[in-house]
C-alpha atoms as a PDB file:
ATOM      1  CA  MET A   1      -1.242  -4.746  41.651  1.00  0.00           C
ATOM      2  CA  LEU A   2      -1.024  -3.217  38.189  1.00  0.00           C
ATOM      3  CA  LYS A   3      -4.775  -2.755  37.962  1.00  0.00           C
ATOM      4  CA  ARG A   4      -5.047  -1.242  41.459  1.00  0.00           C
ATOM      5  CA  ASN A   5      -2.800   1.714  40.670  1.00  0.00           C
ATOM      6  CA  PRO A   6      -3.953   3.538  37.519  1.00  0.00           C
ATOM      7  CA  VAL A   7      -1.477   6.368  38.189  1.00  0.00           C
ATOM      8  CA  LYS A   8       1.432   3.990  37.603  1.00  0.00           C
ATOM      9  CA  LEU A   9      -0.152   2.778  34.374  1.00  0.00           C
ATOM     10  CA  LEU A  10      -0.594   6.389  33.258  1.00  0.00           C
ATOM     11  CA  LEU A  11       3.059   7.193  34.006  1.00  0.00           C
ATOM     12  CA  LEU A  12       4.141   4.041  32.162  1.00  0.00           C
ATOM     13  CA  ALA A  13       2.019   5.079  29.185  1.00  0.00           C
ATOM     14  CA  LEU A  14       3.703   8.487  29.173  1.00  0.00           C
ATOM     15  CA  ALA A  15       7.118   6.772  29.169  1.00  0.00           C
ATOM     16  CA  ALA A  16       5.993   4.793  26.116  1.00  0.00           C
ATOM     17  CA  ILE A  17       5.331   7.926  24.022  1.00  0.00           C
ATOM     18  CA  PRO A  18       8.908   8.223  22.627  1.00  0.00           C
ATOM     19  CA  PHE A  19       8.598   4.651  21.338  1.00  0.00           C
ATOM     20  CA  ALA A  20       5.044   5.111  20.081  1.00  0.00           C
ATOM     21  CA  VAL A  21       5.979   8.014  17.805  1.00  0.00           C
ATOM     22  CA  LYS A  22       8.385   5.694  15.921  1.00  0.00           C
ATOM     23  CA  VAL A  23       5.805   2.997  15.175  1.00  0.00           C
ATOM     24  CA  MET A  24       5.205   4.302  11.643  1.00  0.00           C
ATOM     25  CA  TYR A  25       8.946   4.061  10.953  1.00  0.00           C
ATOM     26  CA  LEU A  26       8.926   0.446  12.149  1.00  0.00           C
ATOM     27  CA  GLU A  27       6.002  -0.266   9.831  1.00  0.00           C
ATOM     28  CA  ARG A  28       7.931   1.142   6.840  1.00  0.00           C
ATOM     29  CA  ALA A  29      10.983  -0.931   7.768  1.00  0.00           C
ATOM     30  CA  TRP A  30       8.804  -4.060   7.996  1.00  0.00           C
ATOM     31  CA  VAL A  31       7.404  -3.475   4.510  1.00  0.00           C
ATOM     32  CA  SER A  32      10.565  -2.338   2.713  1.00  0.00           C
ATOM     33  CA  SER A  33      13.424  -4.389   4.214  1.00  0.00           C
ATOM     34  CA  PRO A  34      13.393  -8.212   4.357  1.00  0.00           C
ATOM     35  CA  ILE A  35      16.293  -8.381   6.829  1.00  0.00           C
ATOM     36  CA  ASP A  36      14.667  -5.808   9.128  1.00  0.00           C
ATOM     37  CA  ARG A  37      11.445  -7.819   8.887  1.00  0.00           C
ATOM     38  CA  ILE A  38      13.297 -10.908  10.120  1.00  0.00           C
ATOM     39  CA  HIS A  39      14.840  -9.061  13.062  1.00  0.00           C
ATOM     40  CA  LEU A  40      11.562  -7.352  13.961  1.00  0.00           C
ATOM     41  CA  GLY A  41       9.677 -10.630  13.774  1.00  0.00           C
ATOM     42  CA  LEU A  42      12.189 -12.722  15.724  1.00  0.00           C
ATOM     43  CA  TYR A  43      13.416 -10.345  18.423  1.00  0.00           C
ATOM     44  CA  GLY A  44      10.124  -8.451  18.635  1.00  0.00           C
ATOM     45  CA  THR A  45       8.265 -11.697  19.354  1.00  0.00           C
ATOM     46  CA  LEU A  46      10.834 -12.733  21.957  1.00  0.00           C
ATOM     47  CA  SER A  47      10.511  -9.321  23.611  1.00  0.00           C
ATOM     48  CA  LEU A  48       6.723  -9.654  23.847  1.00  0.00           C
ATOM     49  CA  ILE A  49       7.081 -13.160  25.306  1.00  0.00           C
ATOM     50  CA  PHE A  50       9.437 -11.882  28.018  1.00  0.00           C
ATOM     51  CA  VAL A  51       7.063  -8.981  28.782  1.00  0.00           C
ATOM     52  CA  PHE A  52       4.155 -11.429  29.121  1.00  0.00           C
ATOM     53  CA  ILE A  53       6.160 -13.649  31.499  1.00  0.00           C
ATOM     54  CA  ALA A  54       7.170 -10.635  33.620  1.00  0.00           C
ATOM     55  CA  VAL A  55       3.582  -9.306  33.833  1.00  0.00           C
ATOM     56  CA  VAL A  56       2.171 -12.733  34.805  1.00  0.00           C
ATOM     57  CA  ALA A  57       4.876 -13.130  37.455  1.00  0.00           C
ATOM     58  CA  LYS A  58       4.139  -9.633  38.810  1.00  0.00           C
ATOM     59  CA  LEU A  59       0.403 -10.321  39.038  1.00  0.00           C
ATOM     60  CA  TYR A  60       0.917 -13.716  40.679  1.00  0.00           C
ATOM     61  CA  TRP A  61       3.702 -12.994  43.184  1.00  0.00           C
ATOM     62  CA  ARG A  62       2.944  -9.297  43.740  1.00  0.00           C
ATOM     63  CA  PHE A  63       6.570  -8.117  43.909  1.00  0.00           C
ATOM     64  CA  LEU A  64       6.781  -5.065  46.160  1.00  0.00           C
ATOM     65  CA  THR A  65       8.154  -1.697  45.093  1.00  0.00           C
ATOM     66  CA  VAL A  66      10.591  -1.083  47.938  1.00  0.00           C
ATOM     67  CA  LYS A  67      11.588   2.562  47.343  1.00  0.00           C
ATOM     68  CA  PRO A  68       9.351   5.567  46.697  1.00  0.00           C
ATOM     69  CA  LEU A  69       9.401   6.704  43.086  1.00  0.00           C
ATOM     70  CA  ALA A  70      11.353   9.874  43.869  1.00  0.00           C
ATOM     71  CA  GLN A  71      14.165   7.804  45.445  1.00  0.00           C
ATOM     72  CA  SER A  72      14.426   5.207  42.697  1.00  0.00           C
ATOM     73  CA  ARG A  73      17.898   4.842  41.184  1.00  0.00           C
ATOM     74  CA  SER A  74      16.409   3.695  37.898  1.00  0.00           C
ATOM     75  CA  LEU A  75      14.466   6.967  37.657  1.00  0.00           C
ATOM     76  CA  LYS A  76      17.770   8.822  37.877  1.00  0.00           C
ATOM     77  CA  LEU A  77      19.250   6.421  35.334  1.00  0.00           C
ATOM     78  CA  MET A  78      16.442   7.338  32.914  1.00  0.00           C
ATOM     79  CA  VAL A  79      18.164  10.672  32.327  1.00  0.00           C
ATOM     80  CA  LEU A  80      20.798   8.944  30.151  1.00  0.00           C
ATOM     81  CA  PRO A  81      18.414   7.412  27.557  1.00  0.00           C
ATOM     82  CA  CYS A  82      16.460  10.695  27.535  1.00  0.00           C
ATOM     83  CA  ILE A  83      19.650  12.535  26.562  1.00  0.00           C
ATOM     84  CA  LEU A  84      20.390   9.835  23.972  1.00  0.00           C
ATOM     85  CA  TYR A  85      16.881  10.268  22.543  1.00  0.00           C
ATOM     86  CA  VAL A  86      17.457  14.001  22.088  1.00  0.00           C
ATOM     87  CA  ILE A  87      20.785  13.259  20.378  1.00  0.00           C
ATOM     88  CA  GLY A  88      18.962  10.868  18.051  1.00  0.00           C
ATOM     89  CA  ILE A  89      16.513  13.627  17.129  1.00  0.00           C
ATOM     90  CA  VAL A  90      19.278  16.186  16.554  1.00  0.00           C
ATOM     91  CA  TRP A  91      21.279  13.767  14.375  1.00  0.00           C
ATOM     92  CA  SER A  92      18.074  12.432  12.764  1.00  0.00           C
ATOM     93  CA  MET A  93      18.976   8.817  13.601  1.00  0.00           C
ATOM     94  CA  ASN A  94      15.936   6.552  13.918  1.00  0.00           C
ATOM     95  CA  ALA A  95      17.904   3.646  15.414  1.00  0.00           C
ATOM     96  CA  VAL A  96      19.276   5.841  18.208  1.00  0.00           C
ATOM     97  CA  GLN A  97      15.793   7.190  18.941  1.00  0.00           C
ATOM     98  CA  LEU A  98      14.289   3.700  19.062  1.00  0.00           C
ATOM     99  CA  ILE A  99      17.023   2.188  21.229  1.00  0.00           C
ATOM    100  CA  SER A 100      16.831   5.074  23.706  1.00  0.00           C
ATOM    101  CA  SER A 101      13.010   4.899  23.759  1.00  0.00           C
ATOM    102  CA  VAL A 102      13.206   1.220  24.711  1.00  0.00           C
ATOM    103  CA  LEU A 103      15.599   2.102  27.543  1.00  0.00           C
ATOM    104  CA  ILE A 104      13.301   4.925  28.701  1.00  0.00           C
ATOM    105  CA  LEU A 105      10.366   2.508  28.887  1.00  0.00           C
ATOM    106  CA  TRP A 106      12.420  -0.149  30.684  1.00  0.00           C
ATOM    107  CA  THR A 107      13.843   2.220  33.325  1.00  0.00           C
ATOM    108  CA  ALA A 108      10.362   3.676  33.858  1.00  0.00           C
ATOM    109  CA  ALA A 109       8.911   0.194  34.482  1.00  0.00           C
ATOM    110  CA  TRP A 110      11.789  -0.506  36.877  1.00  0.00           C
ATOM    111  CA  ALA A 111      11.139   2.735  38.802  1.00  0.00           C
ATOM    112  CA  LEU A 112       7.371   2.230  38.955  1.00  0.00           C
ATOM    113  CA  TYR A 113       7.177  -1.492  39.747  1.00  0.00           C
ATOM    114  CA  GLY A 114      10.413  -2.259  41.558  1.00  0.00           C
ATOM    115  CA  ARG A 115      13.804  -3.845  41.032  1.00  0.00           C
ATOM    116  CA  VAL A 116      12.526  -7.418  40.621  1.00  0.00           C
ATOM    117  CA  SER A 117      10.185  -6.339  37.839  1.00  0.00           C
ATOM    118  CA  GLY A 118      12.988  -4.361  36.212  1.00  0.00           C
ATOM    119  CA  ILE A 119      15.317  -7.366  36.251  1.00  0.00           C
ATOM    120  CA  MET A 120      12.601  -9.620  34.824  1.00  0.00           C
ATOM    121  CA  LEU A 121      11.977  -7.106  32.030  1.00  0.00           C
ATOM    122  CA  ALA A 122      15.689  -6.804  31.148  1.00  0.00           C
ATOM    123  CA  PRO A 123      15.607  -9.693  28.593  1.00  0.00           C
ATOM    124  CA  ALA A 124      12.600  -8.038  26.934  1.00  0.00           C
ATOM    125  CA  ALA A 125      14.515  -4.755  26.698  1.00  0.00           C
ATOM    126  CA  VAL A 126      17.557  -6.492  25.184  1.00  0.00           C
ATOM    127  CA  CYS A 127      15.424  -8.257  22.566  1.00  0.00           C
ATOM    128  CA  ALA A 128      13.588  -5.015  21.773  1.00  0.00           C
ATOM    129  CA  VAL A 129      16.923  -3.280  21.147  1.00  0.00           C
ATOM    130  CA  LEU A 130      18.019  -6.102  18.833  1.00  0.00           C
ATOM    131  CA  ALA A 131      14.713  -5.785  16.944  1.00  0.00           C
ATOM    132  CA  VAL A 132      15.414  -2.141  16.099  1.00  0.00           C
ATOM    133  CA  PRO A 133      16.220  -1.794  12.361  1.00  0.00           C
ATOM    134  CA  GLY A 134      19.954  -1.300  11.948  1.00  0.00           C
ATOM    135  CA  SER A 135      20.769  -1.859  15.634  1.00  0.00           C
ATOM    136  CA  LEU A 136      22.895  -4.954  14.987  1.00  0.00           C
ATOM    137  CA  TYR A 137      24.913  -2.975  12.449  1.00  0.00           C
ATOM    138  CA  TRP A 138      25.315  -0.057  14.866  1.00  0.00           C
ATOM    139  CA  LEU A 139      26.295  -2.282  17.774  1.00  0.00           C
ATOM    140  CA  GLY A 140      28.817  -4.168  15.658  1.00  0.00           C
ATOM    141  CA  ASN A 141      30.360  -1.144  13.932  1.00  0.00           C
ATOM    142  CA  ALA A 142      29.997   1.721  16.389  1.00  0.00           C
ATOM    143  CA  TYR A 143      33.781   1.930  16.718  1.00  0.00           C
ATOM    144  CA  ALA A 144      33.955   3.254  13.135  1.00  0.00           C
ATOM    145  CA  ALA A 145      31.955   6.356  14.029  1.00  0.00           C
ATOM    146  CA  PHE A 146      34.680   7.385  16.451  1.00  0.00           C
ATOM    147  CA  ALA A 147      37.796   5.941  14.830  1.00  0.00           C
ATOM    148  CA  ALA A 148      37.209   7.272  11.317  1.00  0.00           C
ATOM    149  CA  THR A 149      38.573  10.642  10.239  1.00  0.00           C
ATOM    150  CA  PRO A 150      37.347  12.576   7.192  1.00  0.00           C
ATOM    151  CA  ASN A 151      39.350  12.549   3.960  1.00  0.00           C
ATOM    152  CA  ALA A 152      39.521  15.100   1.175  1.00  0.00           C
ATOM    153  CA  ALA A 153      36.397  15.157  -0.964  1.00  0.00           C
ATOM    154  CA  TYR A 154      36.105  12.503  -3.675  1.00  0.00           C
ATOM    155  CA  ALA A 155      32.799  12.734  -5.543  1.00  0.00           C
ATOM    156  CA  PRO A 156      33.402  11.600  -9.146  1.00  0.00           C
ATOM    157  CA  GLU A 157      30.755  11.847 -11.848  1.00  0.00           C
ATOM    158  CA  PHE A 158      30.160   8.538 -13.622  1.00  0.00           C
ATOM    159  CA  THR A 159      28.796   8.308 -17.164  1.00  0.00           C
ATOM    160  CA  VAL A 160      28.814   5.579 -19.776  1.00  0.00           C
ATOM    161  CA  ASP A 161      31.951   7.177 -21.310  1.00  0.00           C
ATOM    162  CA  SER A 162      33.835   8.079 -18.119  1.00  0.00           C
ATOM    163  CA  GLN A 163      36.207   5.078 -18.001  1.00  0.00           C
ATOM    164  CA  VAL A 164      38.969   5.103 -20.601  1.00  0.00           C
ATOM    165  CA  GLY A 165      39.498   1.688 -22.132  1.00  0.00           C
ATOM    166  CA  MET A 166      36.243   0.219 -20.829  1.00  0.00           C
ATOM    167  CA  LEU A 167      32.835  -0.090 -22.413  1.00  0.00           C
ATOM    168  CA  GLY A 168      30.182   1.360 -20.119  1.00  0.00           C
ATOM    169  CA  ARG A 169      26.454   1.002 -20.037  1.00  0.00           C
ATOM    170  CA  GLU A 170      23.843   2.322 -17.637  1.00  0.00           C
ATOM    171  CA  GLU A 171      21.550  -0.198 -15.983  1.00  0.00           C
ATOM    172  CA  PRO A 172      18.238   0.479 -14.235  1.00  0.00           C
ATOM    173  CA  ALA A 173      18.632   1.246 -10.521  1.00  0.00           C
ATOM    174  CA  ASN A 174      16.015   0.266  -7.954  1.00  0.00           C
ATOM    175  CA  SER A 175      14.077   3.543  -7.843  1.00  0.00           C
ATOM    176  CA  LEU A 176      11.686   2.133  -5.207  1.00  0.00           C
ATOM    177  CA  LEU A 177      14.463   2.467  -2.618  1.00  0.00           C
ATOM    178  CA  PHE A 178      15.083   6.136  -3.389  1.00  0.00           C
ATOM    179  CA  ARG A 179      12.130   8.502  -3.365  1.00  0.00           C
ATOM    180  CA  THR A 180      14.061  11.766  -3.056  1.00  0.00           C
ATOM    181  CA  SER A 181      17.550  10.580  -4.024  1.00  0.00           C
ATOM    182  CA  LYS A 182      18.870  10.087  -7.549  1.00  0.00           C
ATOM    183  CA  ALA A 183      20.455   6.681  -8.108  1.00  0.00           C
ATOM    184  CA  ARG A 184      22.439   5.683 -11.212  1.00  0.00           C
ATOM    185  CA  GLN A 185      23.904   2.270 -11.850  1.00  0.00           C
ATOM    186  CA  PHE A 186      26.618   1.429 -14.385  1.00  0.00           C
ATOM    187  CA  ARG A 187      28.556  -1.580 -15.593  1.00  0.00           C
ATOM    188  CA  TYR A 188      32.003  -1.150 -17.176  1.00  0.00           C
ATOM    189  CA  GLU A 189      33.754  -3.962 -19.049  1.00  0.00           C
ATOM    190  CA  ASN A 190      36.770  -4.711 -21.172  1.00  0.00           C
ATOM    191  CA  ILE A 191      38.265  -7.992 -22.328  1.00  0.00           C
ATOM    192  CA  SER A 192      39.525  -9.010 -18.882  1.00  0.00           C
ATOM    193  CA  ASN A 193      37.665  -6.896 -16.281  1.00  0.00           C
ATOM    194  CA  SER A 194      34.184  -5.950 -15.175  1.00  0.00           C
ATOM    195  CA  VAL A 195      33.270  -3.327 -12.566  1.00  0.00           C
ATOM    196  CA  MET A 196      29.821  -2.318 -11.318  1.00  0.00           C
ATOM    197  CA  VAL A 197      29.055   1.162  -9.948  1.00  0.00           C
ATOM    198  CA  LEU A 198      26.109   2.445  -7.939  1.00  0.00           C
ATOM    199  CA  SER A 199      26.185   6.236  -7.490  1.00  0.00           C
ATOM    200  CA  VAL A 200      23.485   7.915  -5.393  1.00  0.00           C
ATOM    201  CA  GLU A 201      22.995  11.656  -5.058  1.00  0.00           C
ATOM    202  CA  ILE A 202      21.310  11.863  -1.675  1.00  0.00           C
ATOM    203  CA  GLY A 203      18.092  13.841  -1.619  1.00  0.00           C
ATOM    204  CA  ASN A 204      16.029  15.358   1.169  1.00  0.00           C
ATOM    205  CA  ASP A 205      15.622  12.131   3.166  1.00  0.00           C
ATOM    206  CA  VAL A 206      18.929  10.731   4.444  1.00  0.00           C
ATOM    207  CA  HIS A 207      17.032   7.731   5.839  1.00  0.00           C
ATOM    208  CA  GLU A 208      16.778   6.389   2.295  1.00  0.00           C
ATOM    209  CA  VAL A 209      20.496   5.581   2.554  1.00  0.00           C
ATOM    210  CA  HIS A 210      21.372   2.463   4.549  1.00  0.00           C
ATOM    211  CA  PRO A 211      24.703   0.739   5.163  1.00  0.00           C
ATOM    212  CA  ALA A 212      25.557  -0.998   1.902  1.00  0.00           C
ATOM    213  CA  THR A 213      26.203  -4.351   3.584  1.00  0.00           C
ATOM    214  CA  HIS A 214      22.784  -4.114   5.249  1.00  0.00           C
ATOM    215  CA  CYS A 215      21.176  -3.779   1.807  1.00  0.00           C
ATOM    216  CA  LEU A 216      23.354  -6.539   0.346  1.00  0.00           C
ATOM    217  CA  ARG A 217      22.133  -8.913   3.054  1.00  0.00           C
ATOM    218  CA  SER A 218      18.561  -8.027   2.106  1.00  0.00           C
ATOM    219  CA  GLN A 219      19.383  -8.994  -1.484  1.00  0.00           C
ATOM    220  CA  GLY A 220      20.641 -12.441  -0.444  1.00  0.00           C
ATOM    221  CA  TRP A 221      24.390 -11.799  -0.207  1.00  0.00           C
ATOM    222  CA  ARG A 222      26.396 -13.191   2.710  1.00  0.00           C
ATOM    223  CA  ILE A 223      28.895 -10.773   4.254  1.00  0.00           C
ATOM    224  CA  VAL A 224      32.197 -12.631   4.569  1.00  0.00           C
ATOM    225  CA  SER A 225      34.130  -9.641   5.914  1.00  0.00           C
ATOM    226  CA  GLU A 226      33.661  -5.897   6.380  1.00  0.00           C
ATOM    227  CA  HIS A 227      36.101  -3.248   7.592  1.00  0.00           C
ATOM    228  CA  ILE A 228      37.352   0.287   7.000  1.00  0.00           C
ATOM    229  CA  ALA A 229      40.319   0.191   4.622  1.00  0.00           C
ATOM    230  CA  THR A 230      42.722   2.924   3.547  1.00  0.00           C
ATOM    231  CA  ILE A 231      43.513   2.612  -0.166  1.00  0.00           C
ATOM    232  CA  PRO A 232      47.035   3.990  -0.731  1.00  0.00           C
ATOM    233  CA  ASP A 233      47.405   3.770  -4.509  1.00  0.00           C
ATOM    234  CA  VAL A 234      44.242   5.517  -5.721  1.00  0.00           C
ATOM    235  CA  ARG A 235      44.871   9.158  -4.881  1.00  0.00           C
ATOM    236  CA  ASP A 236      47.730  11.358  -3.687  1.00  0.00           C
ATOM    237  CA  GLU A 237      45.644  12.140  -0.595  1.00  0.00           C
ATOM    238  CA  LYS A 238      44.331   9.664   1.945  1.00  0.00           C
ATOM    239  CA  PHE A 239      41.289   7.723   0.746  1.00  0.00           C
ATOM    240  CA  SER A 240      39.270   5.328   2.894  1.00  0.00           C
ATOM    241  CA  VAL A 241      36.386   3.010   2.057  1.00  0.00           C
ATOM    242  CA  THR A 242      34.295   0.343   3.660  1.00  0.00           C
ATOM    243  CA  GLU A 243      35.690  -2.799   2.068  1.00  0.00           C
ATOM    244  CA  ALA A 244      33.345  -5.775   2.044  1.00  0.00           C
ATOM    245  CA  GLU A 245      33.769  -9.271   0.691  1.00  0.00           C
ATOM    246  CA  VAL A 246      30.399 -10.854  -0.094  1.00  0.00           C
ATOM    247  CA  ASP A 247      29.278 -14.079  -1.685  1.00  0.00           C
ATOM    248  CA  SER A 248      26.169 -15.883  -2.869  1.00  0.00           C
ATOM    249  CA  VAL A 249      25.315 -18.760  -5.183  1.00  0.00           C
ATOM    250  CA  SER A 250      26.270 -16.491  -8.092  1.00  0.00           C
ATOM    251  CA  GLY A 251      29.834 -15.959  -6.869  1.00  0.00           C
ATOM    252  CA  LYS A 252      32.000 -13.625  -4.780  1.00  0.00           C
ATOM    253  CA  LEU A 253      32.320  -9.854  -4.965  1.00  0.00           C
ATOM    254  CA  LEU A 254      34.703  -7.282  -3.524  1.00  0.00           C
ATOM    255  CA  VAL A 255      32.821  -4.062  -2.737  1.00  0.00           C
ATOM    256  CA  TRP A 256      34.163  -0.611  -1.879  1.00  0.00           C
ATOM    257  CA  ILE A 257      31.783   1.969  -0.380  1.00  0.00           C
ATOM    258  CA  TRP A 258      32.357   5.613   0.504  1.00  0.00           C
ATOM    259  CA  TYR A 259      30.436   8.851   1.049  1.00  0.00           C
ATOM    260  CA  SER A 260      31.395  12.367  -0.065  1.00  0.00           C
ATOM    261  CA  ASN A 261      30.243  15.940  -0.424  1.00  0.00           C
ATOM    262  CA  ASN A 262      32.216  18.777  -2.008  1.00  0.00           C
ATOM    263  CA  GLU A 263      34.422  19.209   1.055  1.00  0.00           C
ATOM    264  CA  ARG A 264      35.209  15.790   2.528  1.00  0.00           C
ATOM    265  CA  SER A 265      34.658  12.070   2.184  1.00  0.00           C
ATOM    266  CA  THR A 266      34.602   9.077   4.523  1.00  0.00           C
ATOM    267  CA  GLY A 267      34.465   5.320   4.224  1.00  0.00           C
ATOM    268  CA  SER A 268      32.384   4.926   7.396  1.00  0.00           C
ATOM    269  CA  PHE A 269      28.593   4.964   7.201  1.00  0.00           C
ATOM    270  CA  LEU A 270      28.300   5.972  10.845  1.00  0.00           C
ATOM    271  CA  HIS A 271      30.823   8.759  10.368  1.00  0.00           C
ATOM    272  CA  PHE A 272      28.879   9.906   7.294  1.00  0.00           C
ATOM    273  CA  ARG A 273      25.700  10.097   9.391  1.00  0.00           C
ATOM    274  CA  ARG A 274      27.545  12.239  11.937  1.00  0.00           C
ATOM    275  CA  LEU A 275      28.784  14.555   9.173  1.00  0.00           C
ATOM    276  CA  PHE A 276      25.628  14.694   7.073  1.00  0.00           C
ATOM    277  CA  SER A 277      23.857  18.004   6.629  1.00  0.00           C
ATOM    278  CA  SER A 278      21.133  18.799   4.125  1.00  0.00           C
ATOM    279  CA  SER A 279      22.870  22.116   3.460  1.00  0.00           C
ATOM    280  CA  SER A 280      25.461  20.365   1.271  1.00  0.00           C
ATOM    281  CA  ARG A 281      25.070  17.826  -1.522  1.00  0.00           C
ATOM    282  CA  TRP A 282      26.208  14.345  -0.525  1.00  0.00           C
ATOM    283  CA  HIS A 283      26.832  11.270  -2.673  1.00  0.00           C
ATOM    284  CA  THR A 284      27.286   7.654  -1.752  1.00  0.00           C
ATOM    285  CA  TYR A 285      29.263   5.318  -4.004  1.00  0.00           C
ATOM    286  CA  GLN A 286      29.406   1.551  -4.222  1.00  0.00           C
ATOM    287  CA  ILE A 287      31.795  -0.091  -6.683  1.00  0.00           C
ATOM    288  CA  SER A 288      32.279  -3.828  -6.964  1.00  0.00           C
ATOM    289  CA  THR A 289      34.044  -6.479  -8.972  1.00  0.00           C
ATOM    290  CA  ALA A 290      34.093 -10.259  -8.991  1.00  0.00           C
ATOM    291  CA  ILE A 291      36.659 -12.132  -6.928  1.00  0.00           C
ATOM    292  CA  GLY A 292      37.892 -14.683  -9.433  1.00  0.00           C
ATOM    293  CA  PRO A 293      40.478 -17.468  -9.381  1.00  0.00           C
ATOM    294  CA  ASP A 294      43.224 -14.817  -9.137  1.00  0.00           C
ATOM    295  CA  GLY A 295      42.002 -13.946  -5.650  1.00  0.00           C
ATOM    296  CA  LYS A 296      41.007 -10.976  -3.522  1.00  0.00           C
ATOM    297  CA  ASP A 297      44.255  -9.025  -3.984  1.00  0.00           C
ATOM    298  CA  ALA A 298      43.746  -9.021  -7.738  1.00  0.00           C
ATOM    299  CA  ALA A 299      40.207  -7.694  -7.228  1.00  0.00           C
ATOM    300  CA  LYS A 300      41.631  -4.885  -5.051  1.00  0.00           C
ATOM    301  CA  ARG A 301      44.115  -3.938  -7.755  1.00  0.00           C
ATOM    302  CA  ARG A 302      41.309  -3.952 -10.313  1.00  0.00           C
ATOM    303  CA  LEU A 303      39.175  -1.521  -8.278  1.00  0.00           C
ATOM    304  CA  ALA A 304      42.182   0.699  -7.516  1.00  0.00           C
ATOM    305  CA  SER A 305      43.081   0.840 -11.220  1.00  0.00           C
ATOM    306  CA  PHE A 306      39.430   1.600 -12.033  1.00  0.00           C
ATOM    307  CA  LEU A 307      39.404   4.611  -9.701  1.00  0.00           C
ATOM    308  CA  ARG A 308      42.791   5.875 -10.859  1.00  0.00           C
ATOM    309  CA  ASN A 309      41.357   5.857 -14.355  1.00  0.00           C
ATOM    310  CA  LYS A 310      38.455   8.101 -13.214  1.00  0.00           C
END
């Protein structure tokens, strides 16, 4: 059936264009991010297996396309992922573009080859969405993009001498992750405390900045918990961060992450992506300290005291 109707294959190929233009991005994610490579390999393979099963079933049983293309409900449904794709372009969000392009291709296959084919391809579409770099983070934390509200700007400048009572030193940051952004990494210590700081001045390519917990997973850390937290005793004004507890064989860390320009700040990565504009200078900050025998609350007080001292 598929081979007897080249027009349908042509229309399906046209529906695949939005996905095809993102292939180079997927290649970069495969090379640069171990966790994205795992998701692409696992869910991408499963998606291809489901597509193969659906195509073989279609060729063998010759499922009929009941409705004309113009009357297909799935063709009307395709309008929604098309709108989402445009939003992804406007907001410069690769994950949104990829997810919507998968949905465009799936609804097109449904419209062209019938409801049975569409249902059989649904598992492939789900796996393809899960293979998209960052999609699991987006799906699990999308609420933050809508629930978070911006705070007053908080974009401190860190230097080796910026923390009173602590000895600071600058450590080499991973410059391979930041081609246009400027990353600086510091460690501050005194007799009883140690705090690490990663400060990134975001350059021309916002896609160099990923959710901090996503990067921590790539580095071998396990995310024990992650949520948006309001820190009451750091500033007179409201201040929110993404608070993450992570652990590995080397121990446990408490990490605070936030994003700021000269006008406002937010603790939500997704909210930051909504707010981001290249017309203003944005920074992302990641500060962390060990969770020792005195527990997580003591680590919170240590980070709060560190920022009050800034």
